[in-house]
Amino acid sequence: MGSPLEINEDWLERIRQSLNGLEFGNVQIIVHGGRIVQIERTERKRFEGESGSNGGGSASVPVLQPARPQRKAQGQHRHD
C-alpha cells in the first residue's frame, strides 16, 4: 500500500474551482508519491439539434474547409 495522500486546503479549493460550473465532463486528480500534482478538467458542451428538439436525431455539423489563397483580379499586376 502506498503512502497516505497529502491534501491541504489549497488543493481542496483548486478542486472546488475545477468542479464549479461543470455541467457535463470530468475532473481528474493526478497523484504522484502520495501528493496531488495536477488537476485536469475536461468539459463537454452539448448542443441540441437545429430544430431545438432532443428527439434522438443527429444534429447537422458544418464541415470546415481549409482557406484558399486569394487570386489577384485579372489586369492587376504588382510593380515593385
PDB file of N, CA and C in Angstrom:
ATOM      1  N   MET A   1       0.849  -1.182   0.000  1.00  0.00           N
ATOM      2  CA  MET A   1       0.000   0.000   0.000  1.00  0.00           C
ATOM      3  C   MET A   1       0.888   1.237   0.000  1.00  0.00           C
ATOM      4  N   GLY A   2       0.485   2.261  -0.719  1.00  0.00           N
ATOM      5  CA  GLY A   2       1.263   3.491  -0.833  1.00  0.00           C
ATOM      6  C   GLY A   2       1.145   4.369   0.400  1.00  0.00           C
ATOM      7  N   SER A   3       1.867   5.459   0.326  1.00  0.00           N
ATOM      8  CA  SER A   3       1.838   6.407   1.443  1.00  0.00           C
ATOM      9  C   SER A   3       0.508   7.153   1.461  1.00  0.00           C
ATOM     10  N   PRO A   4       0.097   7.639   2.638  1.00  0.00           N
ATOM     11  CA  PRO A   4      -1.183   8.364   2.725  1.00  0.00           C
ATOM     12  C   PRO A   4      -1.131   9.661   1.902  1.00  0.00           C
ATOM     13  N   LEU A   5      -2.259   9.993   1.335  1.00  0.00           N
ATOM     14  CA  LEU A   5      -2.373  11.174   0.475  1.00  0.00           C
ATOM     15  C   LEU A   5      -2.253  12.448   1.305  1.00  0.00           C
ATOM     16  N   GLU A   6      -1.371  13.340   0.859  1.00  0.00           N
ATOM     17  CA  GLU A   6      -1.244  14.656   1.491  1.00  0.00           C
ATOM     18  C   GLU A   6      -2.149  15.620   0.739  1.00  0.00           C
ATOM     19  N   ILE A   7      -3.102  16.214   1.447  1.00  0.00           N
ATOM     20  CA  ILE A   7      -4.008  17.169   0.806  1.00  0.00           C
ATOM     21  C   ILE A   7      -4.203  18.332   1.765  1.00  0.00           C
ATOM     22  N   ASN A   8      -4.060  19.537   1.236  1.00  0.00           N
ATOM     23  CA  ASN A   8      -4.249  20.707   2.083  1.00  0.00           C
ATOM     24  C   ASN A   8      -5.395  21.561   1.550  1.00  0.00           C
ATOM     25  N   GLU A   9      -5.682  22.620   2.238  1.00  0.00           N
ATOM     26  CA  GLU A   9      -6.822  23.474   1.874  1.00  0.00           C
ATOM     27  C   GLU A   9      -6.666  24.101   0.492  1.00  0.00           C
ATOM     28  N   ASP A  10      -5.420  24.394   0.081  1.00  0.00           N
ATOM     29  CA  ASP A  10      -5.187  24.961  -1.261  1.00  0.00           C
ATOM     30  C   ASP A  10      -5.661  24.006  -2.350  1.00  0.00           C
ATOM     31  N   TRP A  11      -5.310  22.730  -2.205  1.00  0.00           N
ATOM     32  CA  TRP A  11      -5.733  21.748  -3.207  1.00  0.00           C
ATOM     33  C   TRP A  11      -7.243  21.541  -3.176  1.00  0.00           C
ATOM     34  N   LEU A  12      -7.835  21.544  -1.991  1.00  0.00           N
ATOM     35  CA  LEU A  12      -9.296  21.420  -1.910  1.00  0.00           C
ATOM     36  C   LEU A  12      -9.977  22.571  -2.634  1.00  0.00           C
ATOM     37  N   GLU A  13      -9.446  23.769  -2.490  1.00  0.00           N
ATOM     38  CA  GLU A  13     -10.017  24.930  -3.183  1.00  0.00           C
ATOM     39  C   GLU A  13      -9.853  24.796  -4.695  1.00  0.00           C
ATOM     40  N   ARG A  14      -8.699  24.308  -5.140  1.00  0.00           N
ATOM     41  CA  ARG A  14      -8.482  24.097  -6.585  1.00  0.00           C
ATOM     42  C   ARG A  14      -9.460  23.068  -7.139  1.00  0.00           C
ATOM     43  N   ILE A  15      -9.716  22.025  -6.372  1.00  0.00           N
ATOM     44  CA  ILE A  15     -10.681  21.010  -6.803  1.00  0.00           C
ATOM     45  C   ILE A  15     -12.076  21.611  -6.876  1.00  0.00           C
ATOM     46  N   ARG A  16     -12.454  22.403  -5.863  1.00  0.00           N
ATOM     47  CA  ARG A  16     -13.772  23.080  -5.876  1.00  0.00           C
ATOM     48  C   ARG A  16     -13.911  23.975  -7.103  1.00  0.00           C
ATOM     49  N   GLN A  17     -12.850  24.742  -7.418  1.00  0.00           N
ATOM     50  CA  GLN A  17     -12.888  25.633  -8.578  1.00  0.00           C
ATOM     51  C   GLN A  17     -13.031  24.843  -9.878  1.00  0.00           C
ATOM     52  N   SER A  18     -12.366  23.696  -9.954  1.00  0.00           N
ATOM     53  CA  SER A  18     -12.470  22.862 -11.150  1.00  0.00           C
ATOM     54  C   SER A  18     -13.870  22.297 -11.324  1.00  0.00           C
ATOM     55  N   LEU A  19     -14.535  21.998 -10.229  1.00  0.00           N
ATOM     56  CA  LEU A  19     -15.891  21.450 -10.288  1.00  0.00           C
ATOM     57  C   LEU A  19     -16.949  22.529 -10.493  1.00  0.00           C
ATOM     58  N   ASN A  20     -16.652  23.753 -10.084  1.00  0.00           N
ATOM     59  CA  ASN A  20     -17.623  24.841 -10.152  1.00  0.00           C
ATOM     60  C   ASN A  20     -18.063  25.088 -11.593  1.00  0.00           C
ATOM     61  N   GLY A  21     -19.349  25.033 -11.834  1.00  0.00           N
ATOM     62  CA  GLY A  21     -19.906  25.325 -13.142  1.00  0.00           C
ATOM     63  C   GLY A  21     -19.822  24.182 -14.135  1.00  0.00           C
ATOM     64  N   LEU A  22     -19.295  23.045 -13.740  1.00  0.00           N
ATOM     65  CA  LEU A  22     -19.164  21.903 -14.641  1.00  0.00           C
ATOM     66  C   LEU A  22     -20.503  21.194 -14.752  1.00  0.00           C
ATOM     67  N   GLU A  23     -21.084  21.198 -15.951  1.00  0.00           N
ATOM     68  CA  GLU A  23     -22.372  20.550 -16.153  1.00  0.00           C
ATOM     69  C   GLU A  23     -22.190  19.150 -16.733  1.00  0.00           C
ATOM     70  N   PHE A  24     -21.323  19.022 -17.731  1.00  0.00           N
ATOM     71  CA  PHE A  24     -21.006  17.735 -18.334  1.00  0.00           C
ATOM     72  C   PHE A  24     -19.489  17.650 -18.444  1.00  0.00           C
ATOM     73  N   GLY A  25     -18.891  16.583 -17.966  1.00  0.00           N
ATOM     74  CA  GLY A  25     -17.455  16.429 -18.083  1.00  0.00           C
ATOM     75  C   GLY A  25     -16.877  15.704 -16.888  1.00  0.00           C
ATOM     76  N   ASN A  26     -15.568  15.902 -16.692  1.00  0.00           N
ATOM     77  CA  ASN A  26     -14.933  15.241 -15.566  1.00  0.00           C
ATOM     78  C   ASN A  26     -13.764  16.062 -15.051  1.00  0.00           C
ATOM     79  N   VAL A  27     -13.419  15.776 -13.801  1.00  0.00           N
ATOM     80  CA  VAL A  27     -12.252  16.373 -13.164  1.00  0.00           C
ATOM     81  C   VAL A  27     -11.386  15.205 -12.725  1.00  0.00           C
ATOM     82  N   GLN A  28     -10.145  15.210 -13.192  1.00  0.00           N
ATOM     83  CA  GLN A  28      -9.213  14.128 -12.867  1.00  0.00           C
ATOM     84  C   GLN A  28      -8.109  14.684 -11.981  1.00  0.00           C
ATOM     85  N   ILE A  29      -7.839  13.990 -10.889  1.00  0.00           N
ATOM     86  CA  ILE A  29      -6.810  14.402  -9.944  1.00  0.00           C
ATOM     87  C   ILE A  29      -5.633  13.448 -10.110  1.00  0.00           C
ATOM     88  N   ILE A  30      -4.459  13.998 -10.444  1.00  0.00           N
ATOM     89  CA  ILE A  30      -3.263  13.191 -10.679  1.00  0.00           C
ATOM     90  C   ILE A  30      -2.422  13.203  -9.403  1.00  0.00           C
ATOM     91  N   VAL A  31      -2.057  11.999  -8.933  1.00  0.00           N
ATOM     92  CA  VAL A  31      -1.303  11.840  -7.691  1.00  0.00           C
ATOM     93  C   VAL A  31       0.006  11.120  -7.992  1.00  0.00           C
ATOM     94  N   HIS A  32       1.095  11.638  -7.478  1.00  0.00           N
ATOM     95  CA  HIS A  32       2.414  11.003  -7.570  1.00  0.00           C
ATOM     96  C   HIS A  32       3.024  10.993  -6.179  1.00  0.00           C
ATOM     97  N   GLY A  33       3.459   9.823  -5.746  1.00  0.00           N
ATOM     98  CA  GLY A  33       4.118   9.718  -4.449  1.00  0.00           C
ATOM     99  C   GLY A  33       3.251  10.171  -3.289  1.00  0.00           C
ATOM    100  N   GLY A  34       1.949   9.961  -3.379  1.00  0.00           N
ATOM    101  CA  GLY A  34       1.061  10.343  -2.287  1.00  0.00           C
ATOM    102  C   GLY A  34       0.740  11.824  -2.232  1.00  0.00           C
ATOM    103  N   ARG A  35       1.114  12.573  -3.285  1.00  0.00           N
ATOM    104  CA  ARG A  35       0.830  14.018  -3.331  1.00  0.00           C
ATOM    105  C   ARG A  35       0.080  14.348  -4.608  1.00  0.00           C
ATOM    106  N   ILE A  36      -0.899  15.241  -4.503  1.00  0.00           N
ATOM    107  CA  ILE A  36      -1.589  15.739  -5.691  1.00  0.00           C
ATOM    108  C   ILE A  36      -0.603  16.628  -6.442  1.00  0.00           C
ATOM    109  N   VAL A  37      -0.439  16.357  -7.733  1.00  0.00           N
ATOM    110  CA  VAL A  37       0.481  17.157  -8.534  1.00  0.00           C
ATOM    111  C   VAL A  37      -0.231  17.881  -9.676  1.00  0.00           C
ATOM    112  N   GLN A  38      -1.451  17.467  -9.997  1.00  0.00           N
ATOM    113  CA  GLN A  38      -2.122  18.059 -11.156  1.00  0.00           C
ATOM    114  C   GLN A  38      -3.617  17.800 -11.077  1.00  0.00           C
ATOM    115  N   ILE A  39      -4.393  18.745 -11.602  1.00  0.00           N
ATOM    116  CA  ILE A  39      -5.841  18.590 -11.743  1.00  0.00           C
ATOM    117  C   ILE A  39      -6.178  18.878 -13.197  1.00  0.00           C
ATOM    118  N   GLU A  40      -6.878  17.947 -13.831  1.00  0.00           N
ATOM    119  CA  GLU A  40      -7.294  18.134 -15.221  1.00  0.00           C
ATOM    120  C   GLU A  40      -8.815  18.218 -15.279  1.00  0.00           C
ATOM    121  N   ARG A  41      -9.304  19.194 -16.028  1.00  0.00           N
ATOM    122  CA  ARG A  41     -10.746  19.368 -16.191  1.00  0.00           C
ATOM    123  C   ARG A  41     -11.077  19.214 -17.668  1.00  0.00           C
ATOM    124  N   THR A  42     -12.004  18.324 -17.965  1.00  0.00           N
ATOM    125  CA  THR A  42     -12.498  18.154 -19.322  1.00  0.00           C
ATOM    126  C   THR A  42     -13.972  18.509 -19.310  1.00  0.00           C
ATOM    127  N   GLU A  43     -14.322  19.520 -20.085  1.00  0.00           N
ATOM    128  CA  GLU A  43     -15.711  19.974 -20.121  1.00  0.00           C
ATOM    129  C   GLU A  43     -16.320  19.613 -21.459  1.00  0.00           C
ATOM    130  N   ARG A  44     -17.527  19.112 -21.421  1.00  0.00           N
ATOM    131  CA  ARG A  44     -18.256  18.767 -22.633  1.00  0.00           C
ATOM    132  C   ARG A  44     -19.414  19.745 -22.779  1.00  0.00           C
ATOM    133  N   LYS A  45     -19.620  20.182 -23.990  1.00  0.00           N
ATOM    134  CA  LYS A  45     -20.763  21.045 -24.286  1.00  0.00           C
ATOM    135  C   LYS A  45     -21.737  20.235 -25.123  1.00  0.00           C
ATOM    136  N   ARG A  46     -22.974  20.237 -24.743  1.00  0.00           N
ATOM    137  CA  ARG A  46     -24.000  19.520 -25.500  1.00  0.00           C
ATOM    138  C   ARG A  46     -24.887  20.529 -26.199  1.00  0.00           C
ATOM    139  N   PHE A  47     -25.117  20.282 -27.480  1.00  0.00           N
ATOM    140  CA  PHE A  47     -25.920  21.183 -28.286  1.00  0.00           C
ATOM    141  C   PHE A  47     -27.114  20.417 -28.829  1.00  0.00           C
ATOM    142  N   GLU A  48     -28.233  21.072 -28.813  1.00  0.00           N
ATOM    143  CA  GLU A  48     -29.450  20.487 -29.359  1.00  0.00           C
ATOM    144  C   GLU A  48     -29.368  20.498 -30.877  1.00  0.00           C
ATOM    145  N   GLY A  49     -30.192  19.687 -31.536  1.00  0.00           N
ATOM    146  CA  GLY A  49     -30.268  19.687 -32.989  1.00  0.00           C
ATOM    147  C   GLY A  49     -30.779  21.022 -33.494  1.00  0.00           C
ATOM    148  N   GLU A  50     -30.703  21.229 -34.803  1.00  0.00           N
ATOM    149  CA  GLU A  50     -31.107  22.520 -35.372  1.00  0.00           C
ATOM    150  C   GLU A  50     -32.558  22.848 -35.075  1.00  0.00           C
ATOM    151  N   SER A  51     -33.393  21.818 -34.953  1.00  0.00           N
ATOM    152  CA  SER A  51     -34.802  22.074 -34.680  1.00  0.00           C
ATOM    153  C   SER A  51     -35.042  22.425 -33.219  1.00  0.00           C
ATOM    154  N   GLY A  52     -34.004  22.258 -32.391  1.00  0.00           N
ATOM    155  CA  GLY A  52     -34.142  22.600 -30.989  1.00  0.00           C
ATOM    156  C   GLY A  52     -34.705  21.480 -30.155  1.00  0.00           C
ATOM    157  N   SER A  53     -34.970  20.327 -30.781  1.00  0.00           N
ATOM    158  CA  SER A  53     -35.504  19.201 -30.025  1.00  0.00           C
ATOM    159  C   SER A  53     -34.401  18.203 -29.744  1.00  0.00           C
ATOM    160  N   ASN A  54     -34.645  17.384 -28.783  1.00  0.00           N
ATOM    161  CA  ASN A  54     -33.690  16.337 -28.446  1.00  0.00           C
ATOM    162  C   ASN A  54     -34.345  14.997 -28.758  1.00  0.00           C
ATOM    163  N   GLY A  55     -34.862  14.865 -29.971  1.00  0.00           N
ATOM    164  CA  GLY A  55     -35.631  13.694 -30.362  1.00  0.00           C
ATOM    165  C   GLY A  55     -34.805  12.528 -30.837  1.00  0.00           C
ATOM    166  N   GLY A  56     -33.520  12.514 -30.579  1.00  0.00           N
ATOM    167  CA  GLY A  56     -32.713  11.372 -30.946  1.00  0.00           C
ATOM    168  C   GLY A  56     -32.074  11.498 -32.309  1.00  0.00           C
ATOM    169  N   GLY A  57     -32.447  12.496 -33.086  1.00  0.00           N
ATOM    170  CA  GLY A  57     -31.835  12.685 -34.388  1.00  0.00           C
ATOM    171  C   GLY A  57     -30.455  13.269 -34.257  1.00  0.00           C
ATOM    172  N   SER A  58     -29.673  13.131 -35.298  1.00  0.00           N
ATOM    173  CA  SER A  58     -28.326  13.697 -35.221  1.00  0.00           C
ATOM    174  C   SER A  58     -28.346  15.139 -35.698  1.00  0.00           C
ATOM    175  N   ALA A  59     -27.587  15.961 -35.042  1.00  0.00           N
ATOM    176  CA  ALA A  59     -27.501  17.374 -35.396  1.00  0.00           C
ATOM    177  C   ALA A  59     -26.591  17.537 -36.598  1.00  0.00           C
ATOM    178  N   SER A  60     -26.900  18.481 -37.427  1.00  0.00           N
ATOM    179  CA  SER A  60     -26.078  18.776 -38.585  1.00  0.00           C
ATOM    180  C   SER A  60     -24.848  19.555 -38.139  1.00  0.00           C
ATOM    181  N   VAL A  61     -23.679  19.076 -38.544  1.00  0.00           N
ATOM    182  CA  VAL A  61     -22.437  19.722 -38.162  1.00  0.00           C
ATOM    183  C   VAL A  61     -21.777  20.260 -39.420  1.00  0.00           C
ATOM    184  N   PRO A  62     -21.490  21.562 -39.486  1.00  0.00           N
ATOM    185  CA  PRO A  62     -20.852  22.106 -40.682  1.00  0.00           C
ATOM    186  C   PRO A  62     -19.428  21.570 -40.819  1.00  0.00           C
ATOM    187  N   VAL A  63     -19.038  21.350 -42.068  1.00  0.00           N
ATOM    188  CA  VAL A  63     -17.683  20.884 -42.347  1.00  0.00           C
ATOM    189  C   VAL A  63     -16.840  22.096 -42.692  1.00  0.00           C
ATOM    190  N   LEU A  64     -15.721  22.262 -42.008  1.00  0.00           N
ATOM    191  CA  LEU A  64     -14.837  23.392 -42.262  1.00  0.00           C
ATOM    192  C   LEU A  64     -13.870  23.042 -43.372  1.00  0.00           C
ATOM    193  N   GLN A  65     -13.708  23.933 -44.314  1.00  0.00           N
ATOM    194  CA  GLN A  65     -12.783  23.746 -45.425  1.00  0.00           C
ATOM    195  C   GLN A  65     -11.551  24.603 -45.189  1.00  0.00           C
ATOM    196  N   PRO A  66     -10.378  24.134 -45.629  1.00  0.00           N
ATOM    197  CA  PRO A  66      -9.180  24.967 -45.477  1.00  0.00           C
ATOM    198  C   PRO A  66      -9.290  26.232 -46.322  1.00  0.00           C
ATOM    199  N   ALA A  67      -8.692  27.297 -45.835  1.00  0.00           N
ATOM    200  CA  ALA A  67      -8.722  28.565 -46.566  1.00  0.00           C
ATOM    201  C   ALA A  67      -7.927  28.423 -47.860  1.00  0.00           C
ATOM    202  N   ARG A  68      -8.433  29.027 -48.934  1.00  0.00           N
ATOM    203  CA  ARG A  68      -7.740  29.012 -50.217  1.00  0.00           C
ATOM    204  C   ARG A  68      -7.054  30.348 -50.425  1.00  0.00           C
ATOM    205  N   PRO A  69      -5.876  30.332 -51.034  1.00  0.00           N
ATOM    206  CA  PRO A  69      -5.211  31.617 -51.304  1.00  0.00           C
ATOM    207  C   PRO A  69      -6.055  32.443 -52.280  1.00  0.00           C
ATOM    208  N   GLN A  70      -6.096  33.736 -52.040  1.00  0.00           N
ATOM    209  CA  GLN A  70      -6.875  34.613 -52.906  1.00  0.00           C
ATOM    210  C   GLN A  70      -6.093  34.897 -54.179  1.00  0.00           C
ATOM    211  N   ARG A  71      -6.820  34.884 -55.293  1.00  0.00           N
ATOM    212  CA  ARG A  71      -6.201  35.198 -56.573  1.00  0.00           C
ATOM    213  C   ARG A  71      -6.321  36.691 -56.841  1.00  0.00           C
ATOM    214  N   LYS A  72      -5.316  37.223 -57.515  1.00  0.00           N
ATOM    215  CA  LYS A  72      -5.394  38.634 -57.908  1.00  0.00           C
ATOM    216  C   LYS A  72      -6.371  38.763 -59.060  1.00  0.00           C
ATOM    217  N   ALA A  73      -7.107  39.850 -59.068  1.00  0.00           N
ATOM    218  CA  ALA A  73      -8.033  40.103 -60.156  1.00  0.00           C
ATOM    219  C   ALA A  73      -7.239  40.291 -61.438  1.00  0.00           C
ATOM    220  N   GLN A  74      -7.799  39.796 -62.546  1.00  0.00           N
ATOM    221  CA  GLN A  74      -7.108  39.897 -63.829  1.00  0.00           C
ATOM    222  C   GLN A  74      -6.906  41.362 -64.200  1.00  0.00           C
ATOM    223  N   GLY A  75      -5.740  41.667 -64.707  1.00  0.00           N
ATOM    224  CA  GLY A  75      -5.423  43.034 -65.086  1.00  0.00           C
ATOM    225  C   GLY A  75      -4.687  43.773 -63.990  1.00  0.00           C
ATOM    226  N   GLN A  76      -4.629  43.218 -62.807  1.00  0.00           N
ATOM    227  CA  GLN A  76      -3.900  43.862 -61.727  1.00  0.00           C
ATOM    228  C   GLN A  76      -2.524  43.205 -61.619  1.00  0.00           C
ATOM    229  N   HIS A  77      -1.495  43.990 -61.853  1.00  0.00           N
ATOM    230  CA  HIS A  77      -0.138  43.477 -61.746  1.00  0.00           C
ATOM    231  C   HIS A  77       0.598  44.290 -60.705  1.00  0.00           C
ATOM    232  N   ARG A  78       1.449  43.644 -60.007  1.00  0.00           N
ATOM    233  CA  ARG A  78       2.225  44.314 -58.971  1.00  0.00           C
ATOM    234  C   ARG A  78       3.531  44.819 -59.579  1.00  0.00           C
ATOM    235  N   HIS A  79       3.774  46.091 -59.405  1.00  0.00           N
ATOM    236  CA  HIS A  79       5.014  46.676 -59.890  1.00  0.00           C
ATOM    237  C   HIS A  79       5.832  47.124 -58.691  1.00  0.00           C
ATOM    238  N   ASP A  80       7.024  46.573 -58.568  1.00  0.00           N
ATOM    239  CA  ASP A  80       7.879  46.944 -57.443  1.00  0.00           C
ATOM    240  C   ASP A  80       8.903  47.945 -57.866  1.00  0.00           C
TER     241      ASP A  80
END
